[in-house]
Amino acid sequence: MEKISPLKRALLLLLLTLPLGIAGCNTMEGLGKDIQKGGQAIERIGQK
């Protein structure tokens, strides 16, 4: 079996984890928007 160089291993790890990081950012952005909308709804109720 052929040994994989440390550089190739690091690159492979980066390429495999990059989509997870991107998906996580999108999820957190969506969560932030949801929390913001919830806060706006509470403010509207408080202003009545």
C-alpha atoms as a PDB file:
ATOM      1  CA  MET A   1       0.000   0.000   0.000  1.00  0.00           C
ATOM      2  CA  GLU A   2       1.260   3.450  -0.924  1.00  0.00           C
ATOM      3  CA  LYS A   3       1.926   5.991   1.834  1.00  0.00           C
ATOM      4  CA  ILE A   4       0.205   9.366   1.478  1.00  0.00           C
ATOM      5  CA  SER A   5       2.423  12.405   2.004  1.00  0.00           C
ATOM      6  CA  PRO A   6       1.486  14.766   4.849  1.00  0.00           C
ATOM      7  CA  LEU A   7       0.751  17.554   2.349  1.00  0.00           C
ATOM      8  CA  LYS A   8      -1.634  15.369   0.352  1.00  0.00           C
ATOM      9  CA  ARG A   9      -3.261  14.178   3.562  1.00  0.00           C
ATOM     10  CA  ALA A  10      -3.808  17.762   4.754  1.00  0.00           C
ATOM     11  CA  LEU A  11      -5.212  18.781   1.375  1.00  0.00           C
ATOM     12  CA  LEU A  12      -7.563  15.807   1.336  1.00  0.00           C
ATOM     13  CA  LEU A  13      -8.759  16.588   4.844  1.00  0.00           C
ATOM     14  CA  LEU A  14      -9.361  20.218   3.873  1.00  0.00           C
ATOM     15  CA  LEU A  15     -11.326  19.232   0.780  1.00  0.00           C
ATOM     16  CA  LEU A  16     -13.461  16.788   2.747  1.00  0.00           C
ATOM     17  CA  THR A  17     -14.270  19.211   5.573  1.00  0.00           C
ATOM     18  CA  LEU A  18     -14.786  22.346   3.463  1.00  0.00           C
ATOM     19  CA  PRO A  19     -18.388  21.499   2.450  1.00  0.00           C
ATOM     20  CA  LEU A  20     -19.280  20.887   6.093  1.00  0.00           C
ATOM     21  CA  GLY A  21     -17.912  24.279   7.043  1.00  0.00           C
ATOM     22  CA  ILE A  22     -19.820  26.018   4.286  1.00  0.00           C
ATOM     23  CA  ALA A  23     -23.052  24.248   5.224  1.00  0.00           C
ATOM     24  CA  GLY A  24     -22.498  25.180   8.863  1.00  0.00           C
ATOM     25  CA  CYS A  25     -22.114  28.852   7.985  1.00  0.00           C
ATOM     26  CA  ASN A  26     -25.341  28.822   5.995  1.00  0.00           C
ATOM     27  CA  THR A  27     -27.134  27.120   8.855  1.00  0.00           C
ATOM     28  CA  MET A  28     -25.874  29.636  11.401  1.00  0.00           C
ATOM     29  CA  GLU A  29     -26.832  32.516   9.111  1.00  0.00           C
ATOM     30  CA  GLY A  30     -30.355  31.127   8.839  1.00  0.00           C
ATOM     31  CA  LEU A  31     -30.548  30.646  12.586  1.00  0.00           C
ATOM     32  CA  GLY A  32     -29.466  34.251  13.129  1.00  0.00           C
ATOM     33  CA  LYS A  33     -32.169  35.507  10.775  1.00  0.00           C
ATOM     34  CA  ASP A  34     -34.811  33.414  12.557  1.00  0.00           C
ATOM     35  CA  ILE A  35     -33.758  34.755  15.953  1.00  0.00           C
ATOM     36  CA  GLN A  36     -33.805  38.305  14.596  1.00  0.00           C
ATOM     37  CA  LYS A  37     -37.338  37.874  13.228  1.00  0.00           C
ATOM     38  CA  GLY A  38     -38.453  36.448  16.558  1.00  0.00           C
ATOM     39  CA  GLY A  39     -37.018  39.460  18.350  1.00  0.00           C
ATOM     40  CA  GLN A  40     -38.796  41.832  15.964  1.00  0.00           C
ATOM     41  CA  ALA A  41     -42.102  40.061  16.608  1.00  0.00           C
ATOM     42  CA  ILE A  42     -41.608  40.435  20.369  1.00  0.00           C
ATOM     43  CA  GLU A  43     -40.848  44.154  19.903  1.00  0.00           C
ATOM     44  CA  ARG A  44     -44.048  44.621  17.873  1.00  0.00           C
ATOM     45  CA  ILE A  45     -46.082  42.927  20.611  1.00  0.00           C
ATOM     46  CA  GLY A  46     -44.420  45.109  23.243  1.00  0.00           C
ATOM     47  CA  GLN A  47     -45.244  48.310  21.354  1.00  0.00           C
ATOM     48  CA  LYS A  48     -49.012  47.619  21.377  1.00  0.00           C
END
